[in-house]
């Protein structure tokens, strides 16, 4: 599938379990974080920056002058300019690194092939630079499971496959629905004065969910015992809720508004005209399929304080409130 670009046989040092002599007691280790000015990478960077004796945090961004990059630098991060489309910049960013956290982005260009190539570029650069452990934000192959393309997840599945082929130590994260979606792409939309619809096509199924902010502690737990998680796929979720649970929670926290379930279906979402609607519809069909298996017990082992939706909404009410005002 990948033209054997970096395929290695069992004698080479990048075979899983070889070329890695560090553990939590060896620190400080250099961790390179991609997407560090975004929600996911930023949460991981902030958490690891709390332990400067264990981790040297190197944040990769294309916008080193941004306010988010400046804030990370103020807390001790080294900010590095690099682009996933430019191999030489990646090798410079990864030079001397022990660990790479990689997340890739489909929605910037909405181009699956470009996202896959960028992910492979980062992996190749990590191997070239002798990185010992890759942690990747991956996904199942949705098209293979439900027969419909879900570009933003299928791209990550393809990158996962490549990571498994090249023989480097890896840990795959598979995340659930992000709670932060409730003040961004899936914020409730206004029906009339003070009445809002929470439009998720669950059709009677429960939805696994988690705050992106809680992934930082998950990564810290993995890095405390990295060998325990080599070659593992970690399916994360803080809890699973029905639409009734979700709407009831909104109504408890916003007594000046009413939230409803419009009972939207996957086939309704497929007909929406906004860019990416079919991909998002396929994602929810995948969630409904029963094949998106997530492990709440494992997640709470890795982060015992992972937030429920109720707690998250309590702590993020202001952000949701602002999103609702924008929806007016």
C-alpha atoms as a PDB file:
ATOM      1  CA  UNK A   1       0.000   0.000   0.000  1.00  0.00           C
ATOM      2  CA  UNK A   2       2.767   2.413   0.858  1.00  0.00           C
ATOM      3  CA  UNK A   3       5.298   1.324  -1.789  1.00  0.00           C
ATOM      4  CA  UNK A   4       7.511  -0.107   0.983  1.00  0.00           C
ATOM      5  CA  UNK A   5       8.934   3.390   1.532  1.00  0.00           C
ATOM      6  CA  UNK A   6      10.360   2.654   4.965  1.00  0.00           C
ATOM      7  CA  UNK A   7       9.586  -1.038   5.447  1.00  0.00           C
ATOM      8  CA  UNK A   8      12.273  -2.706   7.602  1.00  0.00           C
ATOM      9  CA  UNK A   9      13.037  -6.319   8.280  1.00  0.00           C
ATOM     10  CA  UNK A  10      13.368  -7.820  11.772  1.00  0.00           C
ATOM     11  CA  UNK A  11      17.122  -7.287  11.926  1.00  0.00           C
ATOM     12  CA  UNK A  12      16.918  -3.504  11.881  1.00  0.00           C
ATOM     13  CA  UNK A  13      17.011  -1.317  14.949  1.00  0.00           C
ATOM     14  CA  UNK A  14      13.537   0.119  14.419  1.00  0.00           C
ATOM     15  CA  UNK A  15      11.862  -3.222  15.064  1.00  0.00           C
ATOM     16  CA  UNK A  16       9.374  -2.718  17.883  1.00  0.00           C
ATOM     17  CA  UNK A  17      11.060  -3.218  21.246  1.00  0.00           C
ATOM     18  CA  UNK A  18      14.567  -2.477  19.938  1.00  0.00           C
ATOM     19  CA  UNK A  19      16.383   0.839  19.899  1.00  0.00           C
ATOM     20  CA  UNK A  20      14.645   1.998  23.086  1.00  0.00           C
ATOM     21  CA  UNK A  21      16.507   2.139  26.373  1.00  0.00           C
ATOM     22  CA  UNK A  22      14.546   4.749  28.274  1.00  0.00           C
ATOM     23  CA  UNK A  23      11.889   4.574  30.950  1.00  0.00           C
ATOM     24  CA  UNK A  24      10.229   7.109  33.222  1.00  0.00           C
ATOM     25  CA  UNK A  25      13.313   7.220  35.465  1.00  0.00           C
ATOM     26  CA  UNK A  26      15.664   8.188  32.617  1.00  0.00           C
ATOM     27  CA  UNK A  27      14.268  11.749  32.039  1.00  0.00           C
ATOM     28  CA  UNK A  28      14.183  14.410  31.015  1.00  0.00           C
ATOM     29  CA  UNK A  29      13.049  13.215  27.602  1.00  0.00           C
ATOM     30  CA  UNK A  30      12.386  15.432  24.620  1.00  0.00           C
ATOM     31  CA  UNK A  31       8.791  15.193  23.438  1.00  0.00           C
ATOM     32  CA  UNK A  32       7.894  16.740  20.090  1.00  0.00           C
ATOM     33  CA  UNK A  33       4.205  17.645  19.846  1.00  0.00           C
ATOM     34  CA  UNK A  34       2.483  18.338  16.538  1.00  0.00           C
ATOM     35  CA  UNK A  35      -0.700  20.374  16.535  1.00  0.00           C
ATOM     36  CA  UNK A  36       0.457  22.081  19.720  1.00  0.00           C
ATOM     37  CA  UNK A  37      -1.536  25.269  19.104  1.00  0.00           C
ATOM     38  CA  UNK A  38      -4.706  23.242  18.538  1.00  0.00           C
ATOM     39  CA  UNK A  39      -7.023  21.690  21.094  1.00  0.00           C
ATOM     40  CA  UNK A  40      -5.481  18.227  21.281  1.00  0.00           C
ATOM     41  CA  UNK A  41      -1.784  19.022  20.952  1.00  0.00           C
ATOM     42  CA  UNK A  42      -2.199  22.045  23.196  1.00  0.00           C
ATOM     43  CA  UNK A  43      -3.756  19.964  25.976  1.00  0.00           C
ATOM     44  CA  UNK A  44      -0.871  17.496  25.815  1.00  0.00           C
ATOM     45  CA  UNK A  45       1.765  20.228  25.759  1.00  0.00           C
ATOM     46  CA  UNK A  46       0.264  22.011  28.763  1.00  0.00           C
ATOM     47  CA  UNK A  47       0.161  18.804  30.776  1.00  0.00           C
ATOM     48  CA  UNK A  48       3.750  17.751  30.038  1.00  0.00           C
ATOM     49  CA  UNK A  49       5.036  21.267  30.716  1.00  0.00           C
ATOM     50  CA  UNK A  50       3.938  20.754  34.313  1.00  0.00           C
ATOM     51  CA  UNK A  51       6.837  18.284  34.760  1.00  0.00           C
ATOM     52  CA  UNK A  52       9.979  20.000  33.442  1.00  0.00           C
ATOM     53  CA  UNK A  53      12.265  17.528  35.204  1.00  0.00           C
ATOM     54  CA  UNK A  54      10.736  14.695  33.184  1.00  0.00           C
ATOM     55  CA  UNK A  55      10.031  16.306  29.812  1.00  0.00           C
ATOM     56  CA  UNK A  56      11.520  18.841  27.470  1.00  0.00           C
ATOM     57  CA  UNK A  57       8.534  19.917  25.413  1.00  0.00           C
ATOM     58  CA  UNK A  58       9.093  20.955  21.817  1.00  0.00           C
ATOM     59  CA  UNK A  59       5.989  22.366  20.157  1.00  0.00           C
ATOM     60  CA  UNK A  60       5.725  22.262  16.385  1.00  0.00           C
ATOM     61  CA  UNK A  61       3.653  24.908  14.655  1.00  0.00           C
ATOM     62  CA  UNK A  62       3.438  26.776  11.383  1.00  0.00           C
ATOM     63  CA  UNK A  63       2.577  29.931  13.328  1.00  0.00           C
ATOM     64  CA  UNK A  64       5.298  30.468  15.899  1.00  0.00           C
ATOM     65  CA  UNK A  65       4.254  34.100  16.412  1.00  0.00           C
ATOM     66  CA  UNK A  66       0.687  33.207  17.407  1.00  0.00           C
ATOM     67  CA  UNK A  67      -0.677  33.986  20.867  1.00  0.00           C
ATOM     68  CA  UNK A  68      -1.080  30.272  21.663  1.00  0.00           C
ATOM     69  CA  UNK A  69       2.540  29.572  20.738  1.00  0.00           C
ATOM     70  CA  UNK A  70       3.663  32.520  22.856  1.00  0.00           C
ATOM     71  CA  UNK A  71       1.761  31.196  25.859  1.00  0.00           C
ATOM     72  CA  UNK A  72       3.328  27.754  25.501  1.00  0.00           C
ATOM     73  CA  UNK A  73       6.786  29.348  25.263  1.00  0.00           C
ATOM     74  CA  UNK A  74       6.114  31.326  28.443  1.00  0.00           C
ATOM     75  CA  UNK A  75       5.490  28.025  30.234  1.00  0.00           C
ATOM     76  CA  UNK A  76       8.762  26.549  29.030  1.00  0.00           C
ATOM     77  CA  UNK A  77       8.078  25.027  25.631  1.00  0.00           C
ATOM     78  CA  UNK A  78      10.549  25.305  22.780  1.00  0.00           C
ATOM     79  CA  UNK A  79       8.603  26.520  19.736  1.00  0.00           C
ATOM     80  CA  UNK A  80       9.717  25.126  16.381  1.00  0.00           C
ATOM     81  CA  UNK A  81       8.480  26.173  12.962  1.00  0.00           C
ATOM     82  CA  UNK A  82       7.804  23.175  10.743  1.00  0.00           C
ATOM     83  CA  UNK A  83       5.336  22.041   8.122  1.00  0.00           C
ATOM     84  CA  UNK A  84       4.164  18.457   7.621  1.00  0.00           C
ATOM     85  CA  UNK A  85       4.554  19.027   3.901  1.00  0.00           C
ATOM     86  CA  UNK A  86       8.259  19.907   4.197  1.00  0.00           C
ATOM     87  CA  UNK A  87      10.507  16.983   5.108  1.00  0.00           C
ATOM     88  CA  UNK A  88      13.592  19.020   5.946  1.00  0.00           C
ATOM     89  CA  UNK A  89      11.692  21.190   8.413  1.00  0.00           C
ATOM     90  CA  UNK A  90      10.354  18.024  10.064  1.00  0.00           C
ATOM     91  CA  UNK A  91      13.815  16.524  10.452  1.00  0.00           C
ATOM     92  CA  UNK A  92      15.006  19.751  12.061  1.00  0.00           C
ATOM     93  CA  UNK A  93      12.036  19.734  14.449  1.00  0.00           C
ATOM     94  CA  UNK A  94      12.641  16.082  15.409  1.00  0.00           C
ATOM     95  CA  UNK A  95      16.406  16.196  15.773  1.00  0.00           C
ATOM     96  CA  UNK A  96      17.418  14.660  19.106  1.00  0.00           C
ATOM     97  CA  UNK A  97      13.821  13.865  20.097  1.00  0.00           C
ATOM     98  CA  UNK A  98      12.838  10.795  22.112  1.00  0.00           C
ATOM     99  CA  UNK A  99       9.064  10.845  21.604  1.00  0.00           C
ATOM    100  CA  UNK A 100       6.750  12.235  18.958  1.00  0.00           C
ATOM    101  CA  UNK A 101       3.051  12.917  19.451  1.00  0.00           C
ATOM    102  CA  UNK A 102       1.439  13.186  16.029  1.00  0.00           C
ATOM    103  CA  UNK A 103      -2.013  14.368  15.104  1.00  0.00           C
ATOM    104  CA  UNK A 104      -2.927  15.232  11.527  1.00  0.00           C
ATOM    105  CA  UNK A 105      -5.678  17.467  10.194  1.00  0.00           C
ATOM    106  CA  UNK A 106      -8.124  16.705   7.411  1.00  0.00           C
ATOM    107  CA  UNK A 107     -10.316  19.765   7.747  1.00  0.00           C
ATOM    108  CA  UNK A 108      -7.647  22.327   6.835  1.00  0.00           C
ATOM    109  CA  UNK A 109      -7.757  21.285   3.179  1.00  0.00           C
ATOM    110  CA  UNK A 110     -10.405  18.535   3.227  1.00  0.00           C
ATOM    111  CA  UNK A 111      -8.036  16.333   1.247  1.00  0.00           C
ATOM    112  CA  UNK A 112      -7.545  12.765   2.480  1.00  0.00           C
ATOM    113  CA  UNK A 113      -4.527  12.015   0.296  1.00  0.00           C
ATOM    114  CA  UNK A 114      -2.677  15.139   1.421  1.00  0.00           C
ATOM    115  CA  UNK A 115      -3.347  14.334   5.069  1.00  0.00           C
ATOM    116  CA  UNK A 116      -1.982  10.802   4.637  1.00  0.00           C
ATOM    117  CA  UNK A 117       1.152  12.038   2.873  1.00  0.00           C
ATOM    118  CA  UNK A 118       1.791  14.576   5.617  1.00  0.00           C
ATOM    119  CA  UNK A 119       1.407  11.917   8.276  1.00  0.00           C
ATOM    120  CA  UNK A 120       3.829   9.630   6.455  1.00  0.00           C
ATOM    121  CA  UNK A 121       6.302  12.502   6.130  1.00  0.00           C
ATOM    122  CA  UNK A 122       6.334  12.936   9.913  1.00  0.00           C
ATOM    123  CA  UNK A 123       6.802   9.207  10.509  1.00  0.00           C
ATOM    124  CA  UNK A 124       9.641   8.985   8.002  1.00  0.00           C
ATOM    125  CA  UNK A 125      11.335  11.990   9.597  1.00  0.00           C
ATOM    126  CA  UNK A 126      10.928  10.438  13.055  1.00  0.00           C
ATOM    127  CA  UNK A 127      12.609   7.244  11.888  1.00  0.00           C
ATOM    128  CA  UNK A 128      15.374   9.203  10.189  1.00  0.00           C
ATOM    129  CA  UNK A 129      16.011  11.113  13.430  1.00  0.00           C
ATOM    130  CA  UNK A 130      15.973   8.051  15.680  1.00  0.00           C
ATOM    131  CA  UNK A 131      12.784   8.875  17.584  1.00  0.00           C
ATOM    132  CA  UNK A 132      12.108   6.007  19.994  1.00  0.00           C
ATOM    133  CA  UNK A 133       8.329   6.199  20.433  1.00  0.00           C
ATOM    134  CA  UNK A 134       5.490   7.572  18.323  1.00  0.00           C
ATOM    135  CA  UNK A 135       2.083   8.284  19.846  1.00  0.00           C
ATOM    136  CA  UNK A 136      -0.506   8.859  17.136  1.00  0.00           C
ATOM    137  CA  UNK A 137      -4.114  10.077  17.132  1.00  0.00           C
ATOM    138  CA  UNK A 138      -5.527   7.357  14.903  1.00  0.00           C
ATOM    139  CA  UNK A 139      -8.820   5.777  13.854  1.00  0.00           C
ATOM    140  CA  UNK A 140     -10.529   2.671  12.606  1.00  0.00           C
ATOM    141  CA  UNK A 141     -11.053   2.238   8.855  1.00  0.00           C
ATOM    142  CA  UNK A 142     -14.633   3.463   8.642  1.00  0.00           C
ATOM    143  CA  UNK A 143     -15.064   2.734   4.924  1.00  0.00           C
ATOM    144  CA  UNK A 144     -14.088  -0.882   5.501  1.00  0.00           C
ATOM    145  CA  UNK A 145     -16.626  -1.180   8.346  1.00  0.00           C
ATOM    146  CA  UNK A 146     -19.716   0.592   6.950  1.00  0.00           C
ATOM    147  CA  UNK A 147     -18.931   0.788   3.222  1.00  0.00           C
ATOM    148  CA  UNK A 148     -18.999   4.592   3.110  1.00  0.00           C
ATOM    149  CA  UNK A 149     -16.089   7.015   2.970  1.00  0.00           C
ATOM    150  CA  UNK A 150     -15.319   8.984   6.108  1.00  0.00           C
ATOM    151  CA  UNK A 151     -12.298  10.898   4.913  1.00  0.00           C
ATOM    152  CA  UNK A 152     -11.203  12.520   8.183  1.00  0.00           C
ATOM    153  CA  UNK A 153     -11.093   9.126   9.932  1.00  0.00           C
ATOM    154  CA  UNK A 154     -10.065   6.874   7.033  1.00  0.00           C
ATOM    155  CA  UNK A 155      -6.984   9.051   6.486  1.00  0.00           C
ATOM    156  CA  UNK A 156      -5.862   8.401  10.051  1.00  0.00           C
ATOM    157  CA  UNK A 157      -6.473   4.681   9.594  1.00  0.00           C
ATOM    158  CA  UNK A 158      -4.122   4.703   6.602  1.00  0.00           C
ATOM    159  CA  UNK A 159      -1.424   6.478   8.642  1.00  0.00           C
ATOM    160  CA  UNK A 160      -1.934   3.926  11.428  1.00  0.00           C
ATOM    161  CA  UNK A 161      -1.318   1.122   8.957  1.00  0.00           C
ATOM    162  CA  UNK A 162       1.960   2.684   7.904  1.00  0.00           C
ATOM    163  CA  UNK A 163       3.105   3.095  11.510  1.00  0.00           C
ATOM    164  CA  UNK A 164       2.471  -0.608  12.102  1.00  0.00           C
ATOM    165  CA  UNK A 165       4.499  -1.519   9.010  1.00  0.00           C
ATOM    166  CA  UNK A 166       7.696   0.421   9.688  1.00  0.00           C
ATOM    167  CA  UNK A 167       8.639  -1.255  12.968  1.00  0.00           C
ATOM    168  CA  UNK A 168       9.058   1.740  15.269  1.00  0.00           C
ATOM    169  CA  UNK A 169       7.702   1.669  18.838  1.00  0.00           C
ATOM    170  CA  UNK A 170       4.201   3.116  18.719  1.00  0.00           C
ATOM    171  CA  UNK A 171       1.055   3.713  20.721  1.00  0.00           C
ATOM    172  CA  UNK A 172      -2.215   4.480  18.943  1.00  0.00           C
ATOM    173  CA  UNK A 173      -4.943   6.577  20.546  1.00  0.00           C
ATOM    174  CA  UNK A 174      -8.491   6.319  19.272  1.00  0.00           C
ATOM    175  CA  UNK A 175     -10.531   9.156  20.664  1.00  0.00           C
ATOM    176  CA  UNK A 176     -14.312   9.438  20.978  1.00  0.00           C
ATOM    177  CA  UNK A 177     -16.539  12.427  20.269  1.00  0.00           C
ATOM    178  CA  UNK A 178     -14.874  15.537  21.711  1.00  0.00           C
ATOM    179  CA  UNK A 179     -16.896  17.463  24.276  1.00  0.00           C
ATOM    180  CA  UNK A 180     -15.322  20.613  22.873  1.00  0.00           C
ATOM    181  CA  UNK A 181     -17.459  20.040  19.761  1.00  0.00           C
ATOM    182  CA  UNK A 182     -20.367  21.434  21.785  1.00  0.00           C
ATOM    183  CA  UNK A 183     -18.948  24.942  21.520  1.00  0.00           C
ATOM    184  CA  UNK A 184     -17.670  24.550  17.963  1.00  0.00           C
ATOM    185  CA  UNK A 185     -18.849  22.410  15.050  1.00  0.00           C
ATOM    186  CA  UNK A 186     -21.706  20.760  16.956  1.00  0.00           C
ATOM    187  CA  UNK A 187     -22.818  23.673  19.075  1.00  0.00           C
ATOM    188  CA  UNK A 188     -26.598  23.738  19.644  1.00  0.00           C
ATOM    189  CA  UNK A 189     -28.365  25.812  17.008  1.00  0.00           C
ATOM    190  CA  UNK A 190     -31.165  28.257  17.685  1.00  0.00           C
ATOM    191  CA  UNK A 191     -34.706  27.308  16.748  1.00  0.00           C
ATOM    192  CA  UNK A 192     -36.431  30.345  18.258  1.00  0.00           C
ATOM    193  CA  UNK A 193     -35.949  32.671  21.197  1.00  0.00           C
ATOM    194  CA  UNK A 194     -34.174  30.755  24.010  1.00  0.00           C
ATOM    195  CA  UNK A 195     -34.816  27.366  22.348  1.00  0.00           C
ATOM    196  CA  UNK A 196     -31.926  25.354  20.905  1.00  0.00           C
ATOM    197  CA  UNK A 197     -31.561  22.022  19.124  1.00  0.00           C
ATOM    198  CA  UNK A 198     -28.733  19.604  19.882  1.00  0.00           C
ATOM    199  CA  UNK A 199     -28.446  18.013  16.451  1.00  0.00           C
ATOM    200  CA  UNK A 200     -26.580  14.717  16.752  1.00  0.00           C
ATOM    201  CA  UNK A 201     -27.807  11.739  14.682  1.00  0.00           C
ATOM    202  CA  UNK A 202     -27.622   9.048  17.366  1.00  0.00           C
ATOM    203  CA  UNK A 203     -30.951   7.349  16.552  1.00  0.00           C
ATOM    204  CA  UNK A 204     -31.270   5.692  19.951  1.00  0.00           C
ATOM    205  CA  UNK A 205     -27.577   4.845  20.399  1.00  0.00           C
ATOM    206  CA  UNK A 206     -25.228   6.109  23.085  1.00  0.00           C
ATOM    207  CA  UNK A 207     -22.280   8.317  22.174  1.00  0.00           C
ATOM    208  CA  UNK A 208     -18.831   7.840  23.690  1.00  0.00           C
ATOM    209  CA  UNK A 209     -17.333  11.190  24.625  1.00  0.00           C
ATOM    210  CA  UNK A 210     -14.388  12.810  26.343  1.00  0.00           C
ATOM    211  CA  UNK A 211     -12.820  16.205  26.845  1.00  0.00           C
ATOM    212  CA  UNK A 212      -9.721  16.785  24.753  1.00  0.00           C
ATOM    213  CA  UNK A 213      -8.186  18.458  27.807  1.00  0.00           C
ATOM    214  CA  UNK A 214      -8.165  15.096  29.592  1.00  0.00           C
ATOM    215  CA  UNK A 215      -5.995  13.470  26.919  1.00  0.00           C
ATOM    216  CA  UNK A 216      -2.996  15.322  28.385  1.00  0.00           C
ATOM    217  CA  UNK A 217      -3.097  13.201  31.547  1.00  0.00           C
ATOM    218  CA  UNK A 218      -3.558  10.058  29.428  1.00  0.00           C
ATOM    219  CA  UNK A 219      -0.313  10.862  27.610  1.00  0.00           C
ATOM    220  CA  UNK A 220       1.472  11.538  30.910  1.00  0.00           C
ATOM    221  CA  UNK A 221       0.347   8.110  32.171  1.00  0.00           C
ATOM    222  CA  UNK A 222       1.590   6.403  29.013  1.00  0.00           C
ATOM    223  CA  UNK A 223       4.962   8.098  29.276  1.00  0.00           C
ATOM    224  CA  UNK A 224       5.401   7.046  32.900  1.00  0.00           C
ATOM    225  CA  UNK A 225       5.419   3.410  31.717  1.00  0.00           C
ATOM    226  CA  UNK A 226       6.023   3.627  27.978  1.00  0.00           C
ATOM    227  CA  UNK A 227       7.023   0.007  27.366  1.00  0.00           C
ATOM    228  CA  UNK A 228       3.693  -1.147  28.777  1.00  0.00           C
ATOM    229  CA  UNK A 229       1.977   0.646  25.901  1.00  0.00           C
ATOM    230  CA  UNK A 230       4.300  -0.177  22.988  1.00  0.00           C
ATOM    231  CA  UNK A 231       2.314  -1.671  20.143  1.00  0.00           C
ATOM    232  CA  UNK A 232      -1.001  -0.956  21.868  1.00  0.00           C
ATOM    233  CA  UNK A 233      -4.156   0.682  20.561  1.00  0.00           C
ATOM    234  CA  UNK A 234      -5.930   2.587  23.334  1.00  0.00           C
ATOM    235  CA  UNK A 235      -9.650   3.160  22.764  1.00  0.00           C
ATOM    236  CA  UNK A 236     -10.607   6.104  24.954  1.00  0.00           C
ATOM    237  CA  UNK A 237     -13.881   7.358  26.407  1.00  0.00           C
ATOM    238  CA  UNK A 238     -14.842   9.074  29.660  1.00  0.00           C
ATOM    239  CA  UNK A 239     -18.508   8.057  29.404  1.00  0.00           C
ATOM    240  CA  UNK A 240     -21.259   7.092  26.949  1.00  0.00           C
ATOM    241  CA  UNK A 241     -24.499   9.091  26.877  1.00  0.00           C
ATOM    242  CA  UNK A 242     -27.786   8.960  25.009  1.00  0.00           C
ATOM    243  CA  UNK A 243     -29.364  12.006  23.388  1.00  0.00           C
ATOM    244  CA  UNK A 244     -31.801  12.134  26.303  1.00  0.00           C
ATOM    245  CA  UNK A 245     -28.860  12.301  28.728  1.00  0.00           C
ATOM    246  CA  UNK A 246     -27.127  14.996  26.680  1.00  0.00           C
ATOM    247  CA  UNK A 247     -30.206  17.213  26.341  1.00  0.00           C
ATOM    248  CA  UNK A 248     -31.102  16.805  30.022  1.00  0.00           C
ATOM    249  CA  UNK A 249     -27.583  17.850  31.011  1.00  0.00           C
ATOM    250  CA  UNK A 250     -27.789  20.994  28.869  1.00  0.00           C
ATOM    251  CA  UNK A 251     -31.139  21.867  30.424  1.00  0.00           C
ATOM    252  CA  UNK A 252     -29.816  21.466  33.967  1.00  0.00           C
ATOM    253  CA  UNK A 253     -26.956  23.868  33.310  1.00  0.00           C
ATOM    254  CA  UNK A 254     -28.861  26.530  31.351  1.00  0.00           C
ATOM    255  CA  UNK A 255     -32.095  27.266  33.167  1.00  0.00           C
ATOM    256  CA  UNK A 256     -32.632  30.352  31.009  1.00  0.00           C
ATOM    257  CA  UNK A 257     -32.768  28.270  27.818  1.00  0.00           C
ATOM    258  CA  UNK A 258     -34.468  25.131  26.600  1.00  0.00           C
ATOM    259  CA  UNK A 259     -32.623  22.420  24.681  1.00  0.00           C
ATOM    260  CA  UNK A 260     -34.332  19.813  22.530  1.00  0.00           C
ATOM    261  CA  UNK A 261     -33.479  16.733  20.474  1.00  0.00           C
ATOM    262  CA  UNK A 262     -34.615  17.260  16.858  1.00  0.00           C
ATOM    263  CA  UNK A 263     -34.155  13.502  16.277  1.00  0.00           C
ATOM    264  CA  UNK A 264     -31.933  14.040  13.286  1.00  0.00           C
ATOM    265  CA  UNK A 265     -30.956  10.880  11.364  1.00  0.00           C
ATOM    266  CA  UNK A 266     -27.755   9.970   9.541  1.00  0.00           C
ATOM    267  CA  UNK A 267     -29.582  10.119   6.210  1.00  0.00           C
ATOM    268  CA  UNK A 268     -30.706  13.659   7.081  1.00  0.00           C
ATOM    269  CA  UNK A 269     -27.144  14.759   7.781  1.00  0.00           C
ATOM    270  CA  UNK A 270     -25.971  13.245   4.499  1.00  0.00           C
ATOM    271  CA  UNK A 271     -28.213  15.731   2.678  1.00  0.00           C
ATOM    272  CA  UNK A 272     -26.883  18.811   4.460  1.00  0.00           C
ATOM    273  CA  UNK A 273     -25.084  21.222   2.161  1.00  0.00           C
ATOM    274  CA  UNK A 274     -22.139  22.286   4.307  1.00  0.00           C
ATOM    275  CA  UNK A 275     -18.650  20.997   3.350  1.00  0.00           C
ATOM    276  CA  UNK A 276     -17.885  17.661   4.992  1.00  0.00           C
ATOM    277  CA  UNK A 277     -21.498  16.785   5.797  1.00  0.00           C
ATOM    278  CA  UNK A 278     -21.216  13.322   4.249  1.00  0.00           C
ATOM    279  CA  UNK A 279     -18.012  12.619   6.187  1.00  0.00           C
ATOM    280  CA  UNK A 280     -19.666  13.604   9.463  1.00  0.00           C
ATOM    281  CA  UNK A 281     -22.759  11.556   8.633  1.00  0.00           C
ATOM    282  CA  UNK A 282     -20.547   8.526   7.980  1.00  0.00           C
ATOM    283  CA  UNK A 283     -18.798   9.142  11.307  1.00  0.00           C
ATOM    284  CA  UNK A 284     -22.109   8.970  13.167  1.00  0.00           C
ATOM    285  CA  UNK A 285     -23.173   5.888  11.208  1.00  0.00           C
ATOM    286  CA  UNK A 286     -19.905   4.319  12.325  1.00  0.00           C
ATOM    287  CA  UNK A 287     -20.633   5.324  15.927  1.00  0.00           C
ATOM    288  CA  UNK A 288     -24.016   3.616  15.607  1.00  0.00           C
ATOM    289  CA  UNK A 289     -22.529   0.444  14.097  1.00  0.00           C
ATOM    290  CA  UNK A 290     -21.221  -0.938  17.371  1.00  0.00           C
ATOM    291  CA  UNK A 291     -17.738  -1.188  15.867  1.00  0.00           C
ATOM    292  CA  UNK A 292     -16.461   2.006  17.525  1.00  0.00           C
ATOM    293  CA  UNK A 293     -15.511   0.174  20.711  1.00  0.00           C
ATOM    294  CA  UNK A 294     -14.200   2.446  23.457  1.00  0.00           C
ATOM    295  CA  UNK A 295     -12.932   1.508  26.924  1.00  0.00           C
ATOM    296  CA  UNK A 296     -14.129   3.702  29.809  1.00  0.00           C
ATOM    297  CA  UNK A 297     -12.371   1.540  32.413  1.00  0.00           C
ATOM    298  CA  UNK A 298      -9.006   1.862  30.637  1.00  0.00           C
ATOM    299  CA  UNK A 299      -9.514   5.591  30.180  1.00  0.00           C
ATOM    300  CA  UNK A 300     -10.157   6.091  33.886  1.00  0.00           C
ATOM    301  CA  UNK A 301      -7.088   3.994  34.697  1.00  0.00           C
ATOM    302  CA  UNK A 302      -5.015   6.341  32.546  1.00  0.00           C
ATOM    303  CA  UNK A 303      -6.807   9.444  33.821  1.00  0.00           C
ATOM    304  CA  UNK A 304      -8.863   8.867  36.989  1.00  0.00           C
ATOM    305  CA  UNK A 305     -10.074  12.476  36.870  1.00  0.00           C
ATOM    306  CA  UNK A 306     -11.408  12.447  33.299  1.00  0.00           C
ATOM    307  CA  UNK A 307     -14.440  14.723  33.226  1.00  0.00           C
ATOM    308  CA  UNK A 308     -18.012  13.623  32.734  1.00  0.00           C
ATOM    309  CA  UNK A 309     -20.143  15.736  30.415  1.00  0.00           C
ATOM    310  CA  UNK A 310     -21.919  17.192  33.451  1.00  0.00           C
ATOM    311  CA  UNK A 311     -18.660  18.330  35.036  1.00  0.00           C
ATOM    312  CA  UNK A 312     -17.232  19.521  31.725  1.00  0.00           C
ATOM    313  CA  UNK A 313     -20.306  21.642  31.049  1.00  0.00           C
ATOM    314  CA  UNK A 314     -20.046  23.133  34.514  1.00  0.00           C
ATOM    315  CA  UNK A 315     -16.421  24.110  33.896  1.00  0.00           C
ATOM    316  CA  UNK A 316     -16.964  25.271  30.309  1.00  0.00           C
ATOM    317  CA  UNK A 317     -20.318  26.983  30.595  1.00  0.00           C
ATOM    318  CA  UNK A 318     -18.830  30.344  29.537  1.00  0.00           C
ATOM    319  CA  UNK A 319     -17.448  28.905  26.288  1.00  0.00           C
ATOM    320  CA  UNK A 320     -20.752  27.221  25.453  1.00  0.00           C
ATOM    321  CA  UNK A 321     -22.611  30.418  26.383  1.00  0.00           C
ATOM    322  CA  UNK A 322     -20.459  32.397  23.966  1.00  0.00           C
ATOM    323  CA  UNK A 323     -21.072  29.840  21.204  1.00  0.00           C
ATOM    324  CA  UNK A 324     -24.803  30.094  21.796  1.00  0.00           C
ATOM    325  CA  UNK A 325     -24.694  33.871  21.496  1.00  0.00           C
ATOM    326  CA  UNK A 326     -22.885  33.466  18.188  1.00  0.00           C
ATOM    327  CA  UNK A 327     -25.655  31.124  17.063  1.00  0.00           C
ATOM    328  CA  UNK A 328     -28.249  33.883  17.485  1.00  0.00           C
END
